[in-house]
PDB file of N, CA and C in Angstrom:
ATOM      1  N   MET A   1       0.821  -1.198   0.000  1.00  0.00           N
ATOM      2  CA  MET A   1       0.000   0.000   0.000  1.00  0.00           C
ATOM      3  C   MET A   1       0.863   1.259   0.000  1.00  0.00           C
ATOM      4  N   ILE A   2       2.003   1.196   0.663  1.00  0.00           N
ATOM      5  CA  ILE A   2       2.875   2.362   0.696  1.00  0.00           C
ATOM      6  C   ILE A   2       3.422   2.647  -0.697  1.00  0.00           C
ATOM      7  N   SER A   3       3.809   1.605  -1.417  1.00  0.00           N
ATOM      8  CA  SER A   3       4.338   1.822  -2.769  1.00  0.00           C
ATOM      9  C   SER A   3       3.258   2.380  -3.698  1.00  0.00           C
ATOM     10  N   THR A   4       2.006   2.003  -3.495  1.00  0.00           N
ATOM     11  CA  THR A   4       0.913   2.532  -4.307  1.00  0.00           C
ATOM     12  C   THR A   4       0.742   4.021  -4.051  1.00  0.00           C
ATOM     13  N   ALA A   5       0.772   4.419  -2.788  1.00  0.00           N
ATOM     14  CA  ALA A   5       0.656   5.841  -2.452  1.00  0.00           C
ATOM     15  C   ALA A   5       1.854   6.628  -2.979  1.00  0.00           C
ATOM     16  N   LEU A   6       3.043   6.060  -2.879  1.00  0.00           N
ATOM     17  CA  LEU A   6       4.229   6.739  -3.400  1.00  0.00           C
ATOM     18  C   LEU A   6       4.168   6.872  -4.921  1.00  0.00           C
ATOM     19  N   PHE A   7       3.677   5.826  -5.599  1.00  0.00           N
ATOM     20  CA  PHE A   7       3.509   5.870  -7.049  1.00  0.00           C
ATOM     21  C   PHE A   7       2.576   7.013  -7.431  1.00  0.00           C
ATOM     22  N   ALA A   8       1.456   7.117  -6.741  1.00  0.00           N
ATOM     23  CA  ALA A   8       0.481   8.161  -7.049  1.00  0.00           C
ATOM     24  C   ALA A   8       1.053   9.546  -6.751  1.00  0.00           C
ATOM     25  N   ARG A   9       1.705   9.691  -5.640  1.00  0.00           N
ATOM     26  CA  ARG A   9       2.252  10.992  -5.253  1.00  0.00           C
ATOM     27  C   ARG A   9       3.388  11.412  -6.187  1.00  0.00           C
ATOM     28  N   TYR A  10       4.168  10.465  -6.649  1.00  0.00           N
ATOM     29  CA  TYR A  10       5.270  10.763  -7.569  1.00  0.00           C
ATOM     30  C   TYR A  10       4.758  11.413  -8.853  1.00  0.00           C
ATOM     31  N   HIS A  11       3.564  11.053  -9.279  1.00  0.00           N
ATOM     32  CA  HIS A  11       3.011  11.556 -10.523  1.00  0.00           C
ATOM     33  C   HIS A  11       2.394  12.949 -10.390  1.00  0.00           C
ATOM     34  N   GLY A  12       2.456  13.559  -9.208  1.00  0.00           N
ATOM     35  CA  GLY A  12       2.014  14.940  -9.047  1.00  0.00           C
ATOM     36  C   GLY A  12       0.981  15.137  -7.966  1.00  0.00           C
ATOM     37  N   PRO A  13       0.746  16.405  -7.608  1.00  0.00           N
ATOM     38  CA  PRO A  13      -0.202  16.736  -6.545  1.00  0.00           C
ATOM     39  C   PRO A  13      -1.651  16.736  -7.040  1.00  0.00           C
ATOM     40  N   GLY A  14      -2.564  16.799  -6.114  1.00  0.00           N
ATOM     41  CA  GLY A  14      -3.989  16.882  -6.432  1.00  0.00           C
ATOM     42  C   GLY A  14      -4.744  15.648  -5.968  1.00  0.00           C
ATOM     43  N   GLY A  15      -5.883  15.863  -5.326  1.00  0.00           N
ATOM     44  CA  GLY A  15      -6.673  14.758  -4.792  1.00  0.00           C
ATOM     45  C   GLY A  15      -7.221  13.828  -5.854  1.00  0.00           C
ATOM     46  N   LYS A  16      -7.730  14.401  -6.942  1.00  0.00           N
ATOM     47  CA  LYS A  16      -8.307  13.585  -8.011  1.00  0.00           C
ATOM     48  C   LYS A  16      -7.216  12.768  -8.701  1.00  0.00           C
ATOM     49  N   ARG A  17      -6.070  13.385  -8.920  1.00  0.00           N
ATOM     50  CA  ARG A  17      -4.944  12.676  -9.529  1.00  0.00           C
ATOM     51  C   ARG A  17      -4.464  11.567  -8.599  1.00  0.00           C
ATOM     52  N   PHE A  18      -4.405  11.858  -7.292  1.00  0.00           N
ATOM     53  CA  PHE A  18      -3.975  10.850  -6.325  1.00  0.00           C
ATOM     54  C   PHE A  18      -4.935   9.658  -6.327  1.00  0.00           C
ATOM     55  N   LEU A  19      -6.240   9.928  -6.376  1.00  0.00           N
ATOM     56  CA  LEU A  19      -7.245   8.853  -6.394  1.00  0.00           C
ATOM     57  C   LEU A  19      -7.097   7.995  -7.647  1.00  0.00           C
ATOM     58  N   GLY A  20      -6.959   8.630  -8.807  1.00  0.00           N
ATOM     59  CA  GLY A  20      -6.838   7.883 -10.051  1.00  0.00           C
ATOM     60  C   GLY A  20      -5.527   7.110 -10.157  1.00  0.00           C
ATOM     61  N   LEU A  21      -4.435   7.736  -9.754  1.00  0.00           N
ATOM     62  CA  LEU A  21      -3.138   7.070  -9.866  1.00  0.00           C
ATOM     63  C   LEU A  21      -2.918   6.053  -8.756  1.00  0.00           C
ATOM     64  N   SER A  22      -3.624   6.190  -7.649  1.00  0.00           N
ATOM     65  CA  SER A  22      -3.587   5.129  -6.634  1.00  0.00           C
ATOM     66  C   SER A  22      -4.217   3.865  -7.194  1.00  0.00           C
ATOM     67  N   ALA A  23      -5.311   4.035  -7.933  1.00  0.00           N
ATOM     68  CA  ALA A  23      -5.935   2.878  -8.578  1.00  0.00           C
ATOM     69  C   ALA A  23      -4.987   2.263  -9.598  1.00  0.00           C
ATOM     70  N   ALA A  24      -4.312   3.104 -10.382  1.00  0.00           N
ATOM     71  CA  ALA A  24      -3.366   2.585 -11.373  1.00  0.00           C
ATOM     72  C   ALA A  24      -2.210   1.858 -10.690  1.00  0.00           C
ATOM     73  N   GLY A  25      -1.690   2.424  -9.607  1.00  0.00           N
ATOM     74  CA  GLY A  25      -0.607   1.775  -8.869  1.00  0.00           C
ATOM     75  C   GLY A  25      -1.035   0.456  -8.267  1.00  0.00           C
ATOM     76  N   LEU A  26      -2.257   0.423  -7.750  1.00  0.00           N
ATOM     77  CA  LEU A  26      -2.776  -0.822  -7.187  1.00  0.00           C
ATOM     78  C   LEU A  26      -2.981  -1.870  -8.275  1.00  0.00           C
ATOM     79  N   LEU A  27      -3.441  -1.443  -9.447  1.00  0.00           N
ATOM     80  CA  LEU A  27      -3.598  -2.368 -10.571  1.00  0.00           C
ATOM     81  C   LEU A  27      -2.243  -2.950 -10.977  1.00  0.00           C
ATOM     82  N   LEU A  28      -1.218  -2.112 -11.049  1.00  0.00           N
ATOM     83  CA  LEU A  28       0.116  -2.599 -11.386  1.00  0.00           C
ATOM     84  C   LEU A  28       0.629  -3.572 -10.326  1.00  0.00           C
ATOM     85  N   THR A  29       0.329  -3.290  -9.060  1.00  0.00           N
ATOM     86  CA  THR A  29       0.727  -4.198  -7.985  1.00  0.00           C
ATOM     87  C   THR A  29       0.033  -5.544  -8.128  1.00  0.00           C
ATOM     88  N   LEU A  30      -1.259  -5.524  -8.429  1.00  0.00           N
ATOM     89  CA  LEU A  30      -2.000  -6.773  -8.605  1.00  0.00           C
ATOM     90  C   LEU A  30      -1.503  -7.557  -9.820  1.00  0.00           C
ATOM     91  N   LEU A  31      -1.150  -6.857 -10.894  1.00  0.00           N
ATOM     92  CA  LEU A  31      -0.580  -7.538 -12.061  1.00  0.00           C
ATOM     93  C   LEU A  31       0.742  -8.201 -11.704  1.00  0.00           C
ATOM     94  N   ARG A  32       1.533  -7.524 -10.897  1.00  0.00           N
ATOM     95  CA  ARG A  32       2.805  -8.093 -10.454  1.00  0.00           C
ATOM     96  C   ARG A  32       2.582  -9.325  -9.576  1.00  0.00           C
ATOM     97  N   LEU A  33       1.606  -9.247  -8.670  1.00  0.00           N
ATOM     98  CA  LEU A  33       1.311 -10.394  -7.805  1.00  0.00           C
ATOM     99  C   LEU A  33       0.786 -11.580  -8.606  1.00  0.00           C
ATOM    100  N   ARG A  34      -0.065 -11.312  -9.582  1.00  0.00           N
ATOM    101  CA  ARG A  34      -0.673 -12.392 -10.355  1.00  0.00           C
ATOM    102  C   ARG A  34       0.332 -13.081 -11.261  1.00  0.00           C
ATOM    103  N   THR A  35       1.213 -12.304 -11.887  1.00  0.00           N
ATOM    104  CA  THR A  35       2.161 -12.889 -12.835  1.00  0.00           C
ATOM    105  C   THR A  35       3.469 -13.296 -12.184  1.00  0.00           C
ATOM    106  N   GLU A  36       3.671 -12.867 -10.946  1.00  0.00           N
ATOM    107  CA  GLU A  36       4.891 -13.152 -10.184  1.00  0.00           C
ATOM    108  C   GLU A  36       6.143 -12.615 -10.856  1.00  0.00           C
ATOM    109  N   THR A  37       5.987 -11.569 -11.658  1.00  0.00           N
ATOM    110  CA  THR A  37       7.126 -10.900 -12.274  1.00  0.00           C
ATOM    111  C   THR A  37       6.817  -9.414 -12.396  1.00  0.00           C
ATOM    112  N   LEU A  38       7.820  -8.606 -12.257  1.00  0.00           N
ATOM    113  CA  LEU A  38       7.656  -7.163 -12.387  1.00  0.00           C
ATOM    114  C   LEU A  38       7.566  -6.753 -13.851  1.00  0.00           C
ATOM    115  N   TRP A  39       8.067  -7.597 -14.751  1.00  0.00           N
ATOM    116  CA  TRP A  39       8.135  -7.240 -16.159  1.00  0.00           C
ATOM    117  C   TRP A  39       6.771  -7.047 -16.793  1.00  0.00           C
ATOM    118  N   PHE A  40       5.790  -7.836 -16.418  1.00  0.00           N
ATOM    119  CA  PHE A  40       4.454  -7.680 -17.010  1.00  0.00           C
ATOM    120  C   PHE A  40       3.855  -6.344 -16.608  1.00  0.00           C
ATOM    121  N   ALA A  41       3.963  -5.991 -15.318  1.00  0.00           N
ATOM    122  CA  ALA A  41       3.436  -4.710 -14.843  1.00  0.00           C
ATOM    123  C   ALA A  41       4.174  -3.543 -15.501  1.00  0.00           C
ATOM    124  N   ALA A  42       5.494  -3.665 -15.637  1.00  0.00           N
ATOM    125  CA  ALA A  42       6.277  -2.613 -16.290  1.00  0.00           C
ATOM    126  C   ALA A  42       5.876  -2.485 -17.762  1.00  0.00           C
ATOM    127  N   GLY A  43       5.664  -3.612 -18.427  1.00  0.00           N
ATOM    128  CA  GLY A  43       5.224  -3.589 -19.817  1.00  0.00           C
ATOM    129  C   GLY A  43       3.838  -2.991 -19.967  1.00  0.00           C
ATOM    130  N   PHE A  44       2.956  -3.298 -19.033  1.00  0.00           N
ATOM    131  CA  PHE A  44       1.609  -2.722 -19.050  1.00  0.00           C
ATOM    132  C   PHE A  44       1.690  -1.201 -18.909  1.00  0.00           C
ATOM    133  N   HIS A  45       2.504  -0.738 -17.965  1.00  0.00           N
ATOM    134  CA  HIS A  45       2.685   0.703 -17.746  1.00  0.00           C
ATOM    135  C   HIS A  45       3.255   1.355 -19.010  1.00  0.00           C
ATOM    136  N   TYR A  46       4.261   0.741 -19.614  1.00  0.00           N
ATOM    137  CA  TYR A  46       4.859   1.270 -20.840  1.00  0.00           C
ATOM    138  C   TYR A  46       3.828   1.327 -21.967  1.00  0.00           C
ATOM    139  N   GLY A  47       3.049   0.254 -22.117  1.00  0.00           N
ATOM    140  CA  GLY A  47       2.020   0.227 -23.149  1.00  0.00           C
ATOM    141  C   GLY A  47       0.963   1.296 -22.930  1.00  0.00           C
ATOM    142  N   TRP A  48       0.579   1.498 -21.684  1.00  0.00           N
ATOM    143  CA  TRP A  48      -0.406   2.536 -21.328  1.00  0.00           C
ATOM    144  C   TRP A  48       0.141   3.907 -21.742  1.00  0.00           C
ATOM    145  N   ASN A  49       1.399   4.194 -21.365  1.00  0.00           N
ATOM    146  CA  ASN A  49       2.005   5.480 -21.706  1.00  0.00           C
ATOM    147  C   ASN A  49       2.154   5.646 -23.211  1.00  0.00           C
ATOM    148  N   LEU A  50       2.541   4.585 -23.906  1.00  0.00           N
ATOM    149  CA  LEU A  50       2.679   4.638 -25.354  1.00  0.00           C
ATOM    150  C   LEU A  50       1.336   4.931 -26.011  1.00  0.00           C
ATOM    151  N   TRP A  51       0.296   4.261 -25.544  1.00  0.00           N
ATOM    152  CA  TRP A  51      -1.042   4.472 -26.084  1.00  0.00           C
ATOM    153  C   TRP A  51      -1.480   5.912 -25.874  1.00  0.00           C
ATOM    154  N   GLN A  52      -1.274   6.422 -24.660  1.00  0.00           N
ATOM    155  CA  GLN A  52      -1.702   7.784 -24.349  1.00  0.00           C
ATOM    156  C   GLN A  52      -0.964   8.830 -25.171  1.00  0.00           C
ATOM    157  N   SER A  53       0.330   8.667 -25.356  1.00  0.00           N
ATOM    158  CA  SER A  53       1.106   9.722 -26.009  1.00  0.00           C
ATOM    159  C   SER A  53       1.221   9.538 -27.523  1.00  0.00           C
ATOM    160  N   SER A  54       1.573   8.366 -27.979  1.00  0.00           N
ATOM    161  CA  SER A  54       1.849   8.174 -29.407  1.00  0.00           C
ATOM    162  C   SER A  54       0.611   7.907 -30.240  1.00  0.00           C
ATOM    163  N   ILE A  55      -0.327   7.188 -29.695  1.00  0.00           N
ATOM    164  CA  ILE A  55      -1.487   6.791 -30.493  1.00  0.00           C
ATOM    165  C   ILE A  55      -2.668   7.724 -30.274  1.00  0.00           C
ATOM    166  N   CYS A  56      -2.990   8.016 -29.023  1.00  0.00           N
ATOM    167  CA  CYS A  56      -4.147   8.865 -28.718  1.00  0.00           C
ATOM    168  C   CYS A  56      -3.732  10.106 -27.940  1.00  0.00           C
ATOM    169  N   GLY A  57      -2.731  10.801 -28.416  1.00  0.00           N
ATOM    170  CA  GLY A  57      -2.274  12.012 -27.753  1.00  0.00           C
ATOM    171  C   GLY A  57      -3.266  13.147 -27.925  1.00  0.00           C
ATOM    172  N   SER A  58      -2.939  14.265 -27.301  1.00  0.00           N
ATOM    173  CA  SER A  58      -3.854  15.404 -27.368  1.00  0.00           C
ATOM    174  C   SER A  58      -3.800  16.054 -28.746  1.00  0.00           C
ATOM    175  N   ALA A  59      -4.889  16.682 -29.112  1.00  0.00           N
ATOM    176  CA  ALA A  59      -4.987  17.335 -30.410  1.00  0.00           C
ATOM    177  C   ALA A  59      -4.051  18.534 -30.505  1.00  0.00           C
ATOM    178  N   ASN A  60      -3.736  19.152 -29.383  1.00  0.00           N
ATOM    179  CA  ASN A  60      -2.895  20.352 -29.411  1.00  0.00           C
ATOM    180  C   ASN A  60      -1.482  20.092 -28.881  1.00  0.00           C
ATOM    181  N   GLY A  61      -1.114  18.836 -28.698  1.00  0.00           N
ATOM    182  CA  GLY A  61       0.209  18.493 -28.189  1.00  0.00           C
ATOM    183  C   GLY A  61       1.100  17.950 -29.282  1.00  0.00           C
ATOM    184  N   ALA A  62       1.995  17.074 -28.890  1.00  0.00           N
ATOM    185  CA  ALA A  62       2.904  16.446 -29.852  1.00  0.00           C
ATOM    186  C   ALA A  62       2.105  15.613 -30.855  1.00  0.00           C
ATOM    187  N   PRO A  63       2.625  15.431 -32.065  1.00  0.00           N
ATOM    188  CA  PRO A  63       1.902  14.647 -33.073  1.00  0.00           C
ATOM    189  C   PRO A  63       1.629  13.218 -32.597  1.00  0.00           C
ATOM    190  N   SER A  64       0.454  12.732 -32.899  1.00  0.00           N
ATOM    191  CA  SER A  64       0.093  11.361 -32.566  1.00  0.00           C
ATOM    192  C   SER A  64      -0.686  10.768 -33.733  1.00  0.00           C
ATOM    193  N   ILE A  65      -0.859   9.451 -33.715  1.00  0.00           N
ATOM    194  CA  ILE A  65      -1.534   8.758 -34.816  1.00  0.00           C
ATOM    195  C   ILE A  65      -2.997   9.163 -34.911  1.00  0.00           C
ATOM    196  N   ARG A  66      -3.669   9.225 -33.775  1.00  0.00           N
ATOM    197  CA  ARG A  66      -5.097   9.548 -33.741  1.00  0.00           C
ATOM    198  C   ARG A  66      -5.352  10.530 -32.607  1.00  0.00           C
ATOM    199  N   PRO A  67      -5.138  11.840 -32.837  1.00  0.00           N
ATOM    200  CA  PRO A  67      -5.348  12.808 -31.760  1.00  0.00           C
ATOM    201  C   PRO A  67      -6.782  12.756 -31.229  1.00  0.00           C
ATOM    202  N   VAL A  68      -6.908  12.902 -29.940  1.00  0.00           N
ATOM    203  CA  VAL A  68      -8.205  12.831 -29.286  1.00  0.00           C
ATOM    204  C   VAL A  68      -8.869  14.202 -29.288  1.00  0.00           C
ATOM    205  N   HIS A  69     -10.115  14.259 -29.710  1.00  0.00           N
ATOM    206  CA  HIS A  69     -10.922  15.471 -29.652  1.00  0.00           C
ATOM    207  C   HIS A  69     -12.114  15.160 -28.752  1.00  0.00           C
ATOM    208  N   LEU A  70     -12.145  15.757 -27.580  1.00  0.00           N
ATOM    209  CA  LEU A  70     -13.215  15.487 -26.627  1.00  0.00           C
ATOM    210  C   LEU A  70     -14.191  16.658 -26.570  1.00  0.00           C
ATOM    211  N   HIS A  71     -15.458  16.323 -26.422  1.00  0.00           N
ATOM    212  CA  HIS A  71     -16.485  17.349 -26.377  1.00  0.00           C
ATOM    213  C   HIS A  71     -17.301  17.280 -25.094  1.00  0.00           C
ATOM    214  N   ASP A  72     -16.938  16.419 -24.191  1.00  0.00           N
ATOM    215  CA  ASP A  72     -17.647  16.280 -22.925  1.00  0.00           C
ATOM    216  C   ASP A  72     -16.930  17.090 -21.855  1.00  0.00           C
ATOM    217  N   PRO A  73     -17.567  17.264 -20.680  1.00  0.00           N
ATOM    218  CA  PRO A  73     -16.932  18.041 -19.608  1.00  0.00           C
ATOM    219  C   PRO A  73     -15.600  17.426 -19.179  1.00  0.00           C
ATOM    220  N   ALA A  74     -14.594  18.271 -19.023  1.00  0.00           N
ATOM    221  CA  ALA A  74     -13.251  17.809 -18.647  1.00  0.00           C
ATOM    222  C   ALA A  74     -13.260  17.081 -17.312  1.00  0.00           C
ATOM    223  N   ALA A  75     -14.185  17.425 -16.426  1.00  0.00           N
ATOM    224  CA  ALA A  75     -14.245  16.740 -15.128  1.00  0.00           C
ATOM    225  C   ALA A  75     -14.531  15.257 -15.311  1.00  0.00           C
ATOM    226  N   TRP A  76     -15.269  14.890 -16.340  1.00  0.00           N
ATOM    227  CA  TRP A  76     -15.622  13.492 -16.567  1.00  0.00           C
ATOM    228  C   TRP A  76     -14.643  12.766 -17.473  1.00  0.00           C
ATOM    229  N   VAL A  77     -14.146  13.425 -18.494  1.00  0.00           N
ATOM    230  CA  VAL A  77     -13.301  12.734 -19.462  1.00  0.00           C
ATOM    231  C   VAL A  77     -11.828  13.134 -19.383  1.00  0.00           C
ATOM    232  N   GLY A  78     -11.485  14.110 -18.555  1.00  0.00           N
ATOM    233  CA  GLY A  78     -10.112  14.571 -18.464  1.00  0.00           C
ATOM    234  C   GLY A  78      -9.767  15.430 -19.661  1.00  0.00           C
ATOM    235  N   GLN A  79      -8.509  15.813 -19.741  1.00  0.00           N
ATOM    236  CA  GLN A  79      -8.043  16.605 -20.869  1.00  0.00           C
ATOM    237  C   GLN A  79      -6.809  15.920 -21.450  1.00  0.00           C
ATOM    238  N   PRO A  80      -6.871  15.513 -22.709  1.00  0.00           N
ATOM    239  CA  PRO A  80      -5.725  14.843 -23.319  1.00  0.00           C
ATOM    240  C   PRO A  80      -4.462  15.694 -23.206  1.00  0.00           C
ATOM    241  N   GLY A  81      -3.367  15.051 -22.890  1.00  0.00           N
ATOM    242  CA  GLY A  81      -2.107  15.744 -22.748  1.00  0.00           C
ATOM    243  C   GLY A  81      -1.868  16.318 -21.367  1.00  0.00           C
ATOM    244  N   ARG A  82      -2.841  16.194 -20.482  1.00  0.00           N
ATOM    245  CA  ARG A  82      -2.692  16.689 -19.113  1.00  0.00           C
ATOM    246  C   ARG A  82      -2.815  15.514 -18.149  1.00  0.00           C
ATOM    247  N   PRO A  83      -2.097  15.576 -17.033  1.00  0.00           N
ATOM    248  CA  PRO A  83      -2.066  14.418 -16.133  1.00  0.00           C
ATOM    249  C   PRO A  83      -3.319  14.227 -15.276  1.00  0.00           C
ATOM    250  N   GLU A  84      -4.183  15.223 -15.189  1.00  0.00           N
ATOM    251  CA  GLU A  84      -5.386  15.113 -14.351  1.00  0.00           C
ATOM    252  C   GLU A  84      -6.395  14.172 -15.010  1.00  0.00           C
ATOM    253  N   PRO A  85      -6.717  13.032 -14.377  1.00  0.00           N
ATOM    254  CA  PRO A  85      -7.669  12.100 -14.992  1.00  0.00           C
ATOM    255  C   PRO A  85      -9.104  12.588 -14.830  1.00  0.00           C
ATOM    256  N   GLY A  86      -9.959  12.108 -15.706  1.00  0.00           N
ATOM    257  CA  GLY A  86     -11.379  12.372 -15.570  1.00  0.00           C
ATOM    258  C   GLY A  86     -12.021  11.292 -14.703  1.00  0.00           C
ATOM    259  N   TRP A  87     -13.244  11.554 -14.250  1.00  0.00           N
ATOM    260  CA  TRP A  87     -13.925  10.591 -13.379  1.00  0.00           C
ATOM    261  C   TRP A  87     -14.174   9.264 -14.080  1.00  0.00           C
ATOM    262  N   LEU A  88     -14.405   9.272 -15.385  1.00  0.00           N
ATOM    263  CA  LEU A  88     -14.625   8.007 -16.108  1.00  0.00           C
ATOM    264  C   LEU A  88     -13.381   7.131 -16.066  1.00  0.00           C
ATOM    265  N   GLN A  89     -12.210   7.732 -16.227  1.00  0.00           N
ATOM    266  CA  GLN A  89     -10.973   6.958 -16.148  1.00  0.00           C
ATOM    267  C   GLN A  89     -10.755   6.426 -14.736  1.00  0.00           C
ATOM    268  N   ILE A  90     -11.037   7.253 -13.747  1.00  0.00           N
ATOM    269  CA  ILE A  90     -10.874   6.814 -12.359  1.00  0.00           C
ATOM    270  C   ILE A  90     -11.792   5.640 -12.060  1.00  0.00           C
ATOM    271  N   ILE A  91     -13.053   5.731 -12.470  1.00  0.00           N
ATOM    272  CA  ILE A  91     -14.017   4.650 -12.233  1.00  0.00           C
ATOM    273  C   ILE A  91     -13.596   3.383 -12.988  1.00  0.00           C
ATOM    274  N   ALA A  92     -13.188   3.534 -14.250  1.00  0.00           N
ATOM    275  CA  ALA A  92     -12.771   2.376 -15.043  1.00  0.00           C
ATOM    276  C   ALA A  92     -11.540   1.709 -14.436  1.00  0.00           C
ATOM    277  N   THR A  93     -10.599   2.502 -13.961  1.00  0.00           N
ATOM    278  CA  THR A  93      -9.393   1.925 -13.366  1.00  0.00           C
ATOM    279  C   THR A  93      -9.721   1.204 -12.068  1.00  0.00           C
ATOM    280  N   TRP A  94     -10.588   1.765 -11.245  1.00  0.00           N
ATOM    281  CA  TRP A  94     -10.981   1.079 -10.008  1.00  0.00           C
ATOM    282  C   TRP A  94     -11.741  -0.210 -10.314  1.00  0.00           C
ATOM    283  N   LEU A  95     -12.538  -0.237 -11.391  1.00  0.00           N
ATOM    284  CA  LEU A  95     -13.208  -1.480 -11.795  1.00  0.00           C
ATOM    285  C   LEU A  95     -12.180  -2.532 -12.205  1.00  0.00           C
ATOM    286  N   MET A  96     -11.124  -2.115 -12.939  1.00  0.00           N
ATOM    287  CA  MET A  96     -10.063  -3.054 -13.312  1.00  0.00           C
ATOM    288  C   MET A  96      -9.341  -3.563 -12.064  1.00  0.00           C
ATOM    289  N   VAL A  97      -9.163  -2.697 -11.073  1.00  0.00           N
ATOM    290  CA  VAL A  97      -8.528  -3.103  -9.811  1.00  0.00           C
ATOM    291  C   VAL A  97      -9.375  -4.167  -9.121  1.00  0.00           C
ATOM    292  N   MET A  98     -10.689  -3.969  -9.093  1.00  0.00           N
ATOM    293  CA  MET A  98     -11.567  -4.951  -8.447  1.00  0.00           C
ATOM    294  C   MET A  98     -11.518  -6.298  -9.165  1.00  0.00           C
ATOM    295  N   ILE A  99     -11.548  -6.270 -10.498  1.00  0.00           N
ATOM    296  CA  ILE A  99     -11.481  -7.513 -11.272  1.00  0.00           C
ATOM    297  C   ILE A  99     -10.143  -8.208 -11.043  1.00  0.00           C
ATOM    298  N   ALA A 100      -9.048  -7.450 -11.101  1.00  0.00           N
ATOM    299  CA  ALA A 100      -7.723  -8.036 -10.875  1.00  0.00           C
ATOM    300  C   ALA A 100      -7.593  -8.547  -9.445  1.00  0.00           C
ATOM    301  N   GLY A 101      -8.162  -7.826  -8.489  1.00  0.00           N
ATOM    302  CA  GLY A 101      -8.117  -8.263  -7.091  1.00  0.00           C
ATOM    303  C   GLY A 101      -8.837  -9.579  -6.883  1.00  0.00           C
ATOM    304  N   VAL A 102      -9.997  -9.732  -7.494  1.00  0.00           N
ATOM    305  CA  VAL A 102     -10.734 -10.990  -7.398  1.00  0.00           C
ATOM    306  C   VAL A 102      -9.932 -12.114  -8.039  1.00  0.00           C
ATOM    307  N   GLU A 103      -9.304 -11.839  -9.178  1.00  0.00           N
ATOM    308  CA  GLU A 103      -8.498 -12.857  -9.850  1.00  0.00           C
ATOM    309  C   GLU A 103      -7.309 -13.281  -8.998  1.00  0.00           C
ATOM    310  N   VAL A 104      -6.614 -12.325  -8.396  1.00  0.00           N
ATOM    311  CA  VAL A 104      -5.484 -12.657  -7.530  1.00  0.00           C
ATOM    312  C   VAL A 104      -5.962 -13.457  -6.330  1.00  0.00           C
ATOM    313  N   TRP A 105      -7.095 -13.071  -5.746  1.00  0.00           N
ATOM    314  CA  TRP A 105      -7.643 -13.786  -4.593  1.00  0.00           C
ATOM    315  C   TRP A 105      -8.028 -15.211  -4.982  1.00  0.00           C
ATOM    316  N   CYS A 106      -8.712 -15.358  -6.133  1.00  0.00           N
ATOM    317  CA  CYS A 106      -9.108 -16.711  -6.585  1.00  0.00           C
ATOM    318  C   CYS A 106      -7.891 -17.575  -6.901  1.00  0.00           C
ATOM    319  N   ALA A 107      -6.854 -16.986  -7.495  1.00  0.00           N
ATOM    320  CA  ALA A 107      -5.642 -17.732  -7.800  1.00  0.00           C
ATOM    321  C   ALA A 107      -4.985 -18.209  -6.521  1.00  0.00           C
ATOM    322  N   GLY A 108      -5.003 -17.382  -5.484  1.00  0.00           N
ATOM    323  CA  GLY A 108      -4.457 -17.790  -4.192  1.00  0.00           C
ATOM    324  C   GLY A 108      -5.247 -18.919  -3.578  1.00  0.00           C
ATOM    325  N   LYS A 109      -6.564 -18.876  -3.696  1.00  0.00           N
ATOM    326  CA  LYS A 109      -7.411 -19.964  -3.177  1.00  0.00           C
ATOM    327  C   LYS A 109      -7.158 -21.269  -3.919  1.00  0.00           C
ATOM    328  N   ARG A 110      -7.004 -21.156  -5.263  1.00  0.00           N
ATOM    329  CA  ARG A 110      -6.719 -22.366  -6.049  1.00  0.00           C
ATOM    330  C   ARG A 110      -5.372 -22.953  -5.655  1.00  0.00           C
ATOM    331  N   ALA A 111      -4.392 -22.105  -5.446  1.00  0.00           N
ATOM    332  CA  ALA A 111      -3.057 -22.599  -5.054  1.00  0.00           C
ATOM    333  C   ALA A 111      -3.080 -23.242  -3.661  1.00  0.00           C
ATOM    334  N   ASP A 112      -3.885 -22.680  -2.756  1.00  0.00           N
ATOM    335  CA  ASP A 112      -3.982 -23.247  -1.408  1.00  0.00           C
ATOM    336  C   ASP A 112      -4.690 -24.605  -1.415  1.00  0.00           C
ATOM    337  N   SER A 113      -5.632 -24.792  -2.339  1.00  0.00           N
ATOM    338  CA  SER A 113      -6.390 -26.052  -2.351  1.00  0.00           C
ATOM    339  C   SER A 113      -5.617 -27.177  -3.030  1.00  0.00           C
ATOM    340  N   GLN A 114      -4.550 -26.869  -3.721  1.00  0.00           N
ATOM    341  CA  GLN A 114      -3.797 -27.928  -4.417  1.00  0.00           C
ATOM    342  C   GLN A 114      -2.754 -28.470  -3.566  1.00  0.00           C
TER     343      GLN A 114
END
């Protein structure tokens, strides 16, 4: 839990950013626990960053393959090219954390029963 909080805090200040990046840090931790290697979590993080910047970067930032043009409120969808997540991303990431958490828990139960 401490590493998750440090991961979130390292990425910048702000309560909403801390909430969203805590979920991302926890997801990376669960991926590491499930795969028993740090490389999968590191690759996931790299792929996430690559997707955000190179493929779906902001329309007014560095060139990307498919710049994102958003028309919804920034509070819900965030702003491409800025680190502050929107509520939809925060909710989606926490849902992924719950799914990964259940999978890690079930894998532990299966290992204990064998």
